[in-house]
Amino acid sequence: MNEAELRSLLAKYIQAEADLLSGKSVTWGNRQISRESLSEIRKGRHEVETRLAALNPRARNRPQYSLAKFL
């Protein structure tokens, strides 16, 4: 998945989490998700956030350039 797809998926996870916390039920495809599934949503959200961080070198505390020492 590319960054745009991952960001879109993350937005859906955030919205689903907010809906469940406000007492709504969420349907994804043919699957009904209830408050008991909150841990699954948070687990999926964490996975997407981890994948996004892996795409961004600055998030991994790596510079986007190389450093050289000249003596």
C-alpha atoms as a PDB file:
ATOM      1  CA  MET A   1       0.000   0.000   0.000  1.00  0.00           C
ATOM      2  CA  ASN A   2       1.177   3.493  -0.688  1.00  0.00           C
ATOM      3  CA  GLU A   3       1.129   6.395   1.763  1.00  0.00           C
ATOM      4  CA  ALA A   4      -2.178   7.831   0.522  1.00  0.00           C
ATOM      5  CA  GLU A   5      -3.945   4.484   0.916  1.00  0.00           C
ATOM      6  CA  LEU A   6      -2.505   4.015   4.388  1.00  0.00           C
ATOM      7  CA  ARG A   7      -3.594   7.525   5.437  1.00  0.00           C
ATOM      8  CA  SER A   8      -7.103   6.846   4.137  1.00  0.00           C
ATOM      9  CA  LEU A   9      -7.238   3.561   6.052  1.00  0.00           C
ATOM     10  CA  LEU A  10      -5.964   5.272   9.198  1.00  0.00           C
ATOM     11  CA  ALA A  11      -8.722   7.886   8.909  1.00  0.00           C
ATOM     12  CA  LYS A  12     -11.296   5.086   8.724  1.00  0.00           C
ATOM     13  CA  TYR A  13      -9.849   3.423  11.828  1.00  0.00           C
ATOM     14  CA  ILE A  14      -9.933   6.721  13.718  1.00  0.00           C
ATOM     15  CA  GLN A  15     -13.543   7.347  12.665  1.00  0.00           C
ATOM     16  CA  ALA A  16     -14.586   3.794  13.591  1.00  0.00           C
ATOM     17  CA  GLU A  17     -12.948   4.147  17.008  1.00  0.00           C
ATOM     18  CA  ALA A  18     -14.683   7.483  17.612  1.00  0.00           C
ATOM     19  CA  ASP A  19     -18.045   6.046  16.525  1.00  0.00           C
ATOM     20  CA  LEU A  20     -17.735   3.058  18.832  1.00  0.00           C
ATOM     21  CA  LEU A  21     -16.708   5.226  21.760  1.00  0.00           C
ATOM     22  CA  SER A  22     -19.769   7.406  21.218  1.00  0.00           C
ATOM     23  CA  GLY A  23     -22.028   4.335  21.286  1.00  0.00           C
ATOM     24  CA  LYS A  24     -22.612   3.777  17.580  1.00  0.00           C
ATOM     25  CA  SER A  25     -22.113   0.471  15.829  1.00  0.00           C
ATOM     26  CA  VAL A  26     -19.902   0.354  12.767  1.00  0.00           C
ATOM     27  CA  THR A  27     -20.326  -1.751   9.619  1.00  0.00           C
ATOM     28  CA  TRP A  28     -17.386  -2.453   7.307  1.00  0.00           C
ATOM     29  CA  GLY A  29     -18.492  -4.400   4.279  1.00  0.00           C
ATOM     30  CA  ASN A  30     -20.704  -7.174   5.589  1.00  0.00           C
ATOM     31  CA  ARG A  31     -19.165  -7.147   9.080  1.00  0.00           C
ATOM     32  CA  GLN A  32     -20.904  -5.524  12.052  1.00  0.00           C
ATOM     33  CA  ILE A  33     -18.456  -4.192  14.646  1.00  0.00           C
ATOM     34  CA  SER A  34     -19.553  -3.556  18.211  1.00  0.00           C
ATOM     35  CA  ARG A  35     -17.891  -2.041  21.261  1.00  0.00           C
ATOM     36  CA  GLU A  36     -16.314  -5.410  22.086  1.00  0.00           C
ATOM     37  CA  SER A  37     -14.274  -5.057  18.882  1.00  0.00           C
ATOM     38  CA  LEU A  38     -12.594  -1.850  20.060  1.00  0.00           C
ATOM     39  CA  SER A  39      -9.360  -3.715  20.773  1.00  0.00           C
ATOM     40  CA  GLU A  40      -9.327  -5.038  17.189  1.00  0.00           C
ATOM     41  CA  ILE A  41      -9.772  -1.518  15.832  1.00  0.00           C
ATOM     42  CA  ARG A  42      -6.969  -0.181  18.004  1.00  0.00           C
ATOM     43  CA  LYS A  43      -4.710  -3.059  16.985  1.00  0.00           C
ATOM     44  CA  GLY A  44      -5.387  -2.356  13.293  1.00  0.00           C
ATOM     45  CA  ARG A  45      -4.839   1.362  13.812  1.00  0.00           C
ATOM     46  CA  HIS A  46      -1.488   0.698  15.474  1.00  0.00           C
ATOM     47  CA  GLU A  47      -0.454  -1.540  12.577  1.00  0.00           C
ATOM     48  CA  VAL A  48      -1.316   1.148  10.014  1.00  0.00           C
ATOM     49  CA  GLU A  49       0.498   3.825  12.047  1.00  0.00           C
ATOM     50  CA  THR A  50       3.571   1.567  12.205  1.00  0.00           C
ATOM     51  CA  ARG A  51       3.492   1.023   8.440  1.00  0.00           C
ATOM     52  CA  LEU A  52       3.177   4.775   7.846  1.00  0.00           C
ATOM     53  CA  ALA A  53       6.117   5.455  10.135  1.00  0.00           C
ATOM     54  CA  ALA A  54       8.202   2.921   8.212  1.00  0.00           C
ATOM     55  CA  LEU A  55       7.544   4.844   4.986  1.00  0.00           C
ATOM     56  CA  ASN A  56       8.769   8.120   6.467  1.00  0.00           C
ATOM     57  CA  PRO A  57      12.553   8.189   7.087  1.00  0.00           C
ATOM     58  CA  ARG A  58      12.259  11.153   9.472  1.00  0.00           C
ATOM     59  CA  ALA A  59       9.855   9.180  11.655  1.00  0.00           C
ATOM     60  CA  ARG A  60      12.611   6.595  12.030  1.00  0.00           C
ATOM     61  CA  ASN A  61      15.020   9.359  13.099  1.00  0.00           C
ATOM     62  CA  ARG A  62      17.075   8.937   9.952  1.00  0.00           C
ATOM     63  CA  PRO A  63      18.196  11.921   7.931  1.00  0.00           C
ATOM     64  CA  GLN A  64      17.277  11.908   4.262  1.00  0.00           C
ATOM     65  CA  TYR A  65      20.873  12.622   3.376  1.00  0.00           C
ATOM     66  CA  SER A  66      24.277  11.123   4.147  1.00  0.00           C
ATOM     67  CA  LEU A  67      26.884  12.769   6.273  1.00  0.00           C
ATOM     68  CA  ALA A  68      30.585  12.644   5.481  1.00  0.00           C
ATOM     69  CA  LYS A  69      33.575  13.514   7.600  1.00  0.00           C
ATOM     70  CA  PHE A  70      36.588  14.951   5.862  1.00  0.00           C
ATOM     71  CA  LEU A  71      39.831  14.966   7.760  1.00  0.00           C
END
